[in-house]
N, C-alpha and C. Protein backbone atom coordinates (compact mmCIF):
# COMPACT_ATOMS: atom_id res chain seq x y z
N MET A 1 60.96 52.94 -59.17
CA MET A 1 59.73 52.51 -59.81
C MET A 1 59.50 53.38 -61.05
N ILE A 2 59.06 52.75 -62.11
CA ILE A 2 58.72 53.47 -63.33
C ILE A 2 57.22 53.76 -63.30
N ASP A 3 56.87 55.04 -63.33
CA ASP A 3 55.45 55.39 -63.26
C ASP A 3 54.73 55.02 -64.56
N LYS A 4 53.41 55.01 -64.50
CA LYS A 4 52.60 54.58 -65.64
C LYS A 4 52.66 55.54 -66.82
N GLU A 5 53.06 56.79 -66.59
CA GLU A 5 53.15 57.77 -67.66
C GLU A 5 54.41 57.60 -68.50
N THR A 6 55.43 56.96 -67.94
CA THR A 6 56.70 56.76 -68.65
C THR A 6 56.56 55.62 -69.65
N ILE A 7 56.89 55.90 -70.89
CA ILE A 7 56.83 54.88 -71.93
C ILE A 7 58.14 54.11 -71.92
N ILE A 8 58.06 52.80 -71.86
CA ILE A 8 59.25 51.94 -71.87
C ILE A 8 59.56 51.62 -73.32
N VAL A 9 60.78 51.96 -73.75
CA VAL A 9 61.16 51.78 -75.15
C VAL A 9 62.50 51.06 -75.25
N PRO A 10 62.74 50.35 -76.37
CA PRO A 10 64.04 49.73 -76.60
C PRO A 10 65.14 50.79 -76.55
N GLY A 11 66.26 50.43 -75.97
CA GLY A 11 67.39 51.34 -75.83
C GLY A 11 67.42 52.05 -74.48
N MET A 12 66.31 51.99 -73.74
CA MET A 12 66.25 52.63 -72.43
C MET A 12 67.15 51.87 -71.45
N ILE A 13 67.91 52.61 -70.66
CA ILE A 13 68.72 51.99 -69.61
C ILE A 13 68.01 52.21 -68.29
N VAL A 14 67.89 51.12 -67.53
CA VAL A 14 67.17 51.15 -66.26
C VAL A 14 68.04 50.54 -65.17
N ARG A 15 67.71 50.90 -63.93
CA ARG A 15 68.41 50.34 -62.77
C ARG A 15 67.41 49.54 -61.95
N HIS A 16 67.80 48.31 -61.60
CA HIS A 16 66.97 47.44 -60.78
C HIS A 16 67.09 47.87 -59.32
N ASP A 17 66.16 47.45 -58.48
CA ASP A 17 66.20 47.73 -57.05
C ASP A 17 67.54 47.33 -56.42
N ASP A 18 68.20 46.30 -56.98
CA ASP A 18 69.48 45.83 -56.42
C ASP A 18 70.67 46.69 -56.85
N GLY A 19 70.42 47.71 -57.70
CA GLY A 19 71.48 48.63 -58.11
C GLY A 19 72.10 48.34 -59.46
N LEU A 20 71.84 47.17 -60.03
CA LEU A 20 72.43 46.82 -61.32
C LEU A 20 71.69 47.51 -62.47
N LYS A 21 72.44 47.80 -63.54
CA LYS A 21 71.84 48.44 -64.72
C LYS A 21 71.54 47.40 -65.79
N TYR A 22 70.47 47.68 -66.55
CA TYR A 22 70.00 46.81 -67.62
C TYR A 22 69.61 47.65 -68.83
N LEU A 23 69.68 47.06 -70.02
CA LEU A 23 69.28 47.70 -71.26
C LEU A 23 68.00 47.05 -71.75
N VAL A 24 66.96 47.85 -72.00
CA VAL A 24 65.72 47.33 -72.56
C VAL A 24 65.98 46.99 -74.02
N GLU A 25 65.78 45.73 -74.37
CA GLU A 25 66.01 45.27 -75.75
C GLU A 25 64.75 45.42 -76.61
N ASP A 26 63.61 44.96 -76.07
CA ASP A 26 62.37 45.14 -76.80
C ASP A 26 61.17 45.02 -75.86
N VAL A 27 60.05 45.48 -76.37
CA VAL A 27 58.78 45.44 -75.65
C VAL A 27 57.80 44.74 -76.58
N ARG A 28 57.20 43.65 -76.10
CA ARG A 28 56.30 42.85 -76.94
C ARG A 28 54.97 42.62 -76.25
N ILE A 29 53.95 42.39 -77.04
CA ILE A 29 52.65 42.02 -76.49
C ILE A 29 52.79 40.62 -75.90
N SER A 30 52.30 40.45 -74.70
CA SER A 30 52.40 39.17 -73.99
C SER A 30 51.40 38.17 -74.54
N THR A 31 51.88 36.98 -74.86
CA THR A 31 51.00 35.92 -75.35
C THR A 31 51.02 34.69 -74.46
N ILE A 32 51.94 34.67 -73.48
CA ILE A 32 52.01 33.55 -72.55
C ILE A 32 52.05 34.09 -71.13
N GLY A 33 51.66 33.28 -70.18
CA GLY A 33 51.62 33.72 -68.79
C GLY A 33 52.57 32.93 -67.92
N TYR A 34 53.83 33.32 -67.90
CA TYR A 34 54.79 32.59 -67.09
C TYR A 34 55.03 33.23 -65.74
N GLU A 35 54.44 34.39 -65.47
CA GLU A 35 54.56 35.02 -64.16
C GLU A 35 53.19 35.03 -63.50
N LYS A 36 53.18 34.91 -62.17
CA LYS A 36 51.91 34.78 -61.44
C LYS A 36 50.99 35.99 -61.61
N ASP A 37 51.57 37.18 -61.82
CA ASP A 37 50.75 38.38 -61.97
C ASP A 37 50.54 38.74 -63.44
N HIS A 38 50.71 37.76 -64.32
CA HIS A 38 50.59 37.96 -65.76
C HIS A 38 49.23 38.56 -66.14
N VAL A 39 49.27 39.53 -67.02
CA VAL A 39 48.05 40.13 -67.55
C VAL A 39 48.01 39.84 -69.04
N LEU A 40 47.12 38.95 -69.46
CA LEU A 40 47.01 38.61 -70.87
C LEU A 40 46.72 39.86 -71.68
N GLY A 41 47.45 40.04 -72.75
CA GLY A 41 47.29 41.23 -73.57
C GLY A 41 48.15 42.39 -73.11
N GLY A 42 48.86 42.22 -72.00
CA GLY A 42 49.79 43.25 -71.53
C GLY A 42 51.10 43.14 -72.31
N PHE A 43 52.13 43.73 -71.77
CA PHE A 43 53.42 43.72 -72.44
C PHE A 43 54.47 42.95 -71.65
N VAL A 44 55.42 42.38 -72.38
CA VAL A 44 56.59 41.74 -71.79
C VAL A 44 57.79 42.57 -72.18
N ILE A 45 58.63 42.86 -71.20
CA ILE A 45 59.84 43.63 -71.43
C ILE A 45 61.01 42.64 -71.47
N ASN A 46 61.77 42.66 -72.55
CA ASN A 46 62.99 41.84 -72.67
C ASN A 46 64.17 42.77 -72.47
N TYR A 47 65.07 42.39 -71.57
CA TYR A 47 66.17 43.28 -71.22
C TYR A 47 67.44 42.49 -70.96
N THR A 48 68.59 43.20 -71.05
CA THR A 48 69.91 42.58 -70.92
C THR A 48 70.66 43.23 -69.77
N GLN A 49 71.26 42.40 -68.95
CA GLN A 49 72.05 42.87 -67.81
C GLN A 49 73.33 43.53 -68.31
N LEU A 50 73.65 44.72 -67.78
CA LEU A 50 74.85 45.44 -68.18
C LEU A 50 75.97 45.33 -67.15
N ASP A 51 75.63 45.20 -65.88
CA ASP A 51 76.62 45.15 -64.79
C ASP A 51 76.87 43.72 -64.32
N GLN A 52 78.03 43.51 -63.74
CA GLN A 52 78.33 42.22 -63.12
C GLN A 52 77.53 42.10 -61.83
N GLY A 53 76.91 40.97 -61.65
CA GLY A 53 76.14 40.69 -60.44
C GLY A 53 76.21 39.20 -60.19
N SER A 54 75.14 38.61 -59.71
CA SER A 54 75.09 37.15 -59.55
C SER A 54 75.20 36.46 -60.90
N TYR A 55 74.77 37.15 -61.95
CA TYR A 55 74.88 36.66 -63.32
C TYR A 55 75.78 37.63 -64.09
N ASP A 56 76.35 37.14 -65.18
CA ASP A 56 77.29 37.94 -65.96
C ASP A 56 76.58 38.99 -66.81
N PRO A 57 77.30 40.10 -67.12
CA PRO A 57 76.76 41.05 -68.08
C PRO A 57 76.44 40.32 -69.37
N GLY A 58 75.38 40.74 -70.03
CA GLY A 58 74.93 40.08 -71.25
C GLY A 58 73.83 39.07 -71.01
N SER A 59 73.56 38.75 -69.73
CA SER A 59 72.47 37.82 -69.41
C SER A 59 71.15 38.43 -69.85
N LYS A 60 70.30 37.63 -70.46
CA LYS A 60 69.01 38.07 -70.99
C LYS A 60 67.90 37.76 -69.98
N TRP A 61 66.93 38.69 -69.87
CA TRP A 61 65.83 38.54 -68.94
C TRP A 61 64.53 39.01 -69.58
N SER A 62 63.41 38.55 -69.06
CA SER A 62 62.08 38.99 -69.49
C SER A 62 61.20 39.14 -68.27
N LYS A 63 60.32 40.14 -68.30
CA LYS A 63 59.40 40.35 -67.19
C LYS A 63 58.15 41.03 -67.73
N ASP A 64 56.99 40.66 -67.18
CA ASP A 64 55.76 41.35 -67.53
C ASP A 64 55.86 42.81 -67.10
N GLU A 65 55.20 43.68 -67.85
CA GLU A 65 55.31 45.12 -67.62
C GLU A 65 55.01 45.56 -66.18
N PRO A 66 53.94 45.08 -65.52
CA PRO A 66 53.69 45.55 -64.15
C PRO A 66 54.86 45.25 -63.20
N GLY A 67 55.41 44.05 -63.27
CA GLY A 67 56.54 43.69 -62.42
C GLY A 67 57.79 44.47 -62.77
N PHE A 68 57.99 44.72 -64.06
CA PHE A 68 59.14 45.50 -64.51
C PHE A 68 59.05 46.92 -63.95
N ARG A 69 57.90 47.55 -64.09
CA ARG A 69 57.72 48.92 -63.60
C ARG A 69 57.93 49.00 -62.08
N GLU A 70 57.55 47.96 -61.37
CA GLU A 70 57.64 47.95 -59.91
C GLU A 70 59.09 47.91 -59.42
N HIS A 71 59.99 47.28 -60.18
CA HIS A 71 61.35 47.04 -59.68
C HIS A 71 62.46 47.78 -60.42
N PHE A 72 62.13 48.59 -61.41
CA PHE A 72 63.15 49.30 -62.17
C PHE A 72 62.90 50.80 -62.18
N THR A 73 63.99 51.56 -62.34
CA THR A 73 63.94 53.01 -62.43
C THR A 73 64.76 53.44 -63.64
N PRO A 74 64.27 54.39 -64.45
CA PRO A 74 65.05 54.86 -65.59
C PRO A 74 66.37 55.50 -65.12
N VAL A 75 67.42 55.31 -65.91
CA VAL A 75 68.72 55.91 -65.62
C VAL A 75 68.91 57.08 -66.58
N ALA A 76 69.05 58.28 -66.04
CA ALA A 76 69.22 59.47 -66.88
C ALA A 76 70.59 59.48 -67.54
N ASP A 77 71.61 59.05 -66.81
CA ASP A 77 72.98 59.04 -67.33
C ASP A 77 73.43 57.59 -67.40
N ALA A 78 73.81 57.13 -68.56
CA ALA A 78 74.16 55.71 -68.75
C ALA A 78 75.48 55.33 -68.09
N ASN A 79 76.23 56.27 -67.56
CA ASN A 79 77.53 55.94 -66.93
C ASN A 79 77.36 55.46 -65.52
C-alpha cells in the first residue's frame, strides 16, 4: 500500500498486490468517474505493465488515486 504521504510521480515503479511491476506514466486530475469509488477532483494514475502476466508487458492501465494507493507499493530497486 502506498501511504498518503508518498507523492506519486511519473517514472515511479510500483508493484501490484499480484507481484507484477508497473511504471507510472502520468498523474492527472480526474474529470470522469469510471470507477465506483471515484472522487471528483481527485487524481487518476495512468500506468504501464512491465512484467508478463495475464496481459502483455506494455499494457496501459488507469486507476483513481485511492484505489491505486490501496493496491500498489513503491519499488525501491527497479530490477
